[in-house]
């Protein structure tokens, strides 16, 4: 079994880019990409003061023994 040609090409691209723009700029770009990706996937950190549970925003289910309010006709 050999290496994946596409993956190896991406590794070479990253190595060349890191050498071209410098280690600090490369690390900063990667950190920003990881931050955006984690926010998109919903695993990011909450901003200050955002300690409420994400479940608090979901509507409560209507339980079978509770009657639903009737709508006016």
C-alpha atoms as a PDB file:
ATOM      1  CA  UNK A   1       0.000   0.000   0.000  1.00  0.00           C
ATOM      2  CA  UNK A   2       1.334   3.429  -0.908  1.00  0.00           C
ATOM      3  CA  UNK A   3       0.665   7.015  -0.022  1.00  0.00           C
ATOM      4  CA  UNK A   4      -2.392   8.929  -1.189  1.00  0.00           C
ATOM      5  CA  UNK A   5      -1.110  11.174  -3.969  1.00  0.00           C
ATOM      6  CA  UNK A   6      -3.668  13.936  -3.277  1.00  0.00           C
ATOM      7  CA  UNK A   7      -2.915  14.024   0.443  1.00  0.00           C
ATOM      8  CA  UNK A   8       0.837  14.121  -0.176  1.00  0.00           C
ATOM      9  CA  UNK A   9       0.345  16.990  -2.623  1.00  0.00           C
ATOM     10  CA  UNK A  10      -1.525  18.928   0.061  1.00  0.00           C
ATOM     11  CA  UNK A  11       1.267  18.256   2.570  1.00  0.00           C
ATOM     12  CA  UNK A  12       3.853  19.585   0.116  1.00  0.00           C
ATOM     13  CA  UNK A  13       1.690  22.669  -0.519  1.00  0.00           C
ATOM     14  CA  UNK A  14       1.454  23.369   3.219  1.00  0.00           C
ATOM     15  CA  UNK A  15       5.207  22.966   3.696  1.00  0.00           C
ATOM     16  CA  UNK A  16       5.929  25.355   0.835  1.00  0.00           C
ATOM     17  CA  UNK A  17       3.367  27.880   2.073  1.00  0.00           C
ATOM     18  CA  UNK A  18       4.796  27.764   5.601  1.00  0.00           C
ATOM     19  CA  UNK A  19       8.275  28.400   4.246  1.00  0.00           C
ATOM     20  CA  UNK A  20       7.055  31.250   2.049  1.00  0.00           C
ATOM     21  CA  UNK A  21       4.985  33.249   4.580  1.00  0.00           C
ATOM     22  CA  UNK A  22       6.830  32.314   7.751  1.00  0.00           C
ATOM     23  CA  UNK A  23       6.019  30.103  10.709  1.00  0.00           C
ATOM     24  CA  UNK A  24       4.199  32.788  12.750  1.00  0.00           C
ATOM     25  CA  UNK A  25       1.878  33.873   9.939  1.00  0.00           C
ATOM     26  CA  UNK A  26       1.238  30.245   9.030  1.00  0.00           C
ATOM     27  CA  UNK A  27       0.326  29.362  12.633  1.00  0.00           C
ATOM     28  CA  UNK A  28      -1.964  32.391  12.851  1.00  0.00           C
ATOM     29  CA  UNK A  29      -3.782  31.424   9.655  1.00  0.00           C
ATOM     30  CA  UNK A  30      -4.231  27.856  10.886  1.00  0.00           C
ATOM     31  CA  UNK A  31      -5.576  29.075  14.225  1.00  0.00           C
ATOM     32  CA  UNK A  32      -8.132  31.285  12.465  1.00  0.00           C
ATOM     33  CA  UNK A  33      -9.233  28.440  10.187  1.00  0.00           C
ATOM     34  CA  UNK A  34      -9.595  26.101  13.192  1.00  0.00           C
ATOM     35  CA  UNK A  35     -11.622  28.739  15.060  1.00  0.00           C
ATOM     36  CA  UNK A  36     -14.022  29.221  12.142  1.00  0.00           C
ATOM     37  CA  UNK A  37     -14.313  25.478  11.596  1.00  0.00           C
ATOM     38  CA  UNK A  38     -15.082  24.815  15.252  1.00  0.00           C
ATOM     39  CA  UNK A  39     -17.708  27.590  15.240  1.00  0.00           C
ATOM     40  CA  UNK A  40     -19.292  26.138  12.110  1.00  0.00           C
ATOM     41  CA  UNK A  41     -19.383  22.656  13.621  1.00  0.00           C
ATOM     42  CA  UNK A  42     -20.827  24.001  16.864  1.00  0.00           C
ATOM     43  CA  UNK A  43     -17.966  22.912  19.069  1.00  0.00           C
ATOM     44  CA  UNK A  44     -16.493  26.364  19.577  1.00  0.00           C
ATOM     45  CA  UNK A  45     -16.223  28.223  22.825  1.00  0.00           C
ATOM     46  CA  UNK A  46     -19.000  30.527  23.965  1.00  0.00           C
ATOM     47  CA  UNK A  47     -18.415  34.253  24.284  1.00  0.00           C
ATOM     48  CA  UNK A  48     -18.185  35.772  27.748  1.00  0.00           C
ATOM     49  CA  UNK A  49     -21.513  35.741  29.547  1.00  0.00           C
ATOM     50  CA  UNK A  50     -22.870  32.982  27.321  1.00  0.00           C
ATOM     51  CA  UNK A  51     -23.030  30.285  29.952  1.00  0.00           C
ATOM     52  CA  UNK A  52     -26.647  29.293  29.260  1.00  0.00           C
ATOM     53  CA  UNK A  53     -27.224  25.781  28.061  1.00  0.00           C
ATOM     54  CA  UNK A  54     -27.935  25.429  24.354  1.00  0.00           C
ATOM     55  CA  UNK A  55     -30.936  23.252  25.232  1.00  0.00           C
ATOM     56  CA  UNK A  56     -32.645  26.219  26.883  1.00  0.00           C
ATOM     57  CA  UNK A  57     -33.396  27.640  23.443  1.00  0.00           C
ATOM     58  CA  UNK A  58     -35.298  24.576  22.247  1.00  0.00           C
ATOM     59  CA  UNK A  59     -39.091  24.597  22.498  1.00  0.00           C
ATOM     60  CA  UNK A  60     -40.527  22.321  25.148  1.00  0.00           C
ATOM     61  CA  UNK A  61     -42.380  19.270  23.808  1.00  0.00           C
ATOM     62  CA  UNK A  62     -46.097  19.031  24.363  1.00  0.00           C
ATOM     63  CA  UNK A  63     -46.645  16.138  26.719  1.00  0.00           C
ATOM     64  CA  UNK A  64     -49.583  13.792  26.030  1.00  0.00           C
ATOM     65  CA  UNK A  65     -51.459  14.670  29.248  1.00  0.00           C
ATOM     66  CA  UNK A  66     -51.352  18.392  28.518  1.00  0.00           C
ATOM     67  CA  UNK A  67     -54.003  19.811  26.270  1.00  0.00           C
ATOM     68  CA  UNK A  68     -52.871  21.962  23.419  1.00  0.00           C
ATOM     69  CA  UNK A  69     -54.440  25.423  23.369  1.00  0.00           C
ATOM     70  CA  UNK A  70     -57.228  25.764  20.846  1.00  0.00           C
ATOM     71  CA  UNK A  71     -56.802  28.296  18.107  1.00  0.00           C
ATOM     72  CA  UNK A  72     -59.564  30.850  17.594  1.00  0.00           C
ATOM     73  CA  UNK A  73     -61.499  30.329  14.393  1.00  0.00           C
END
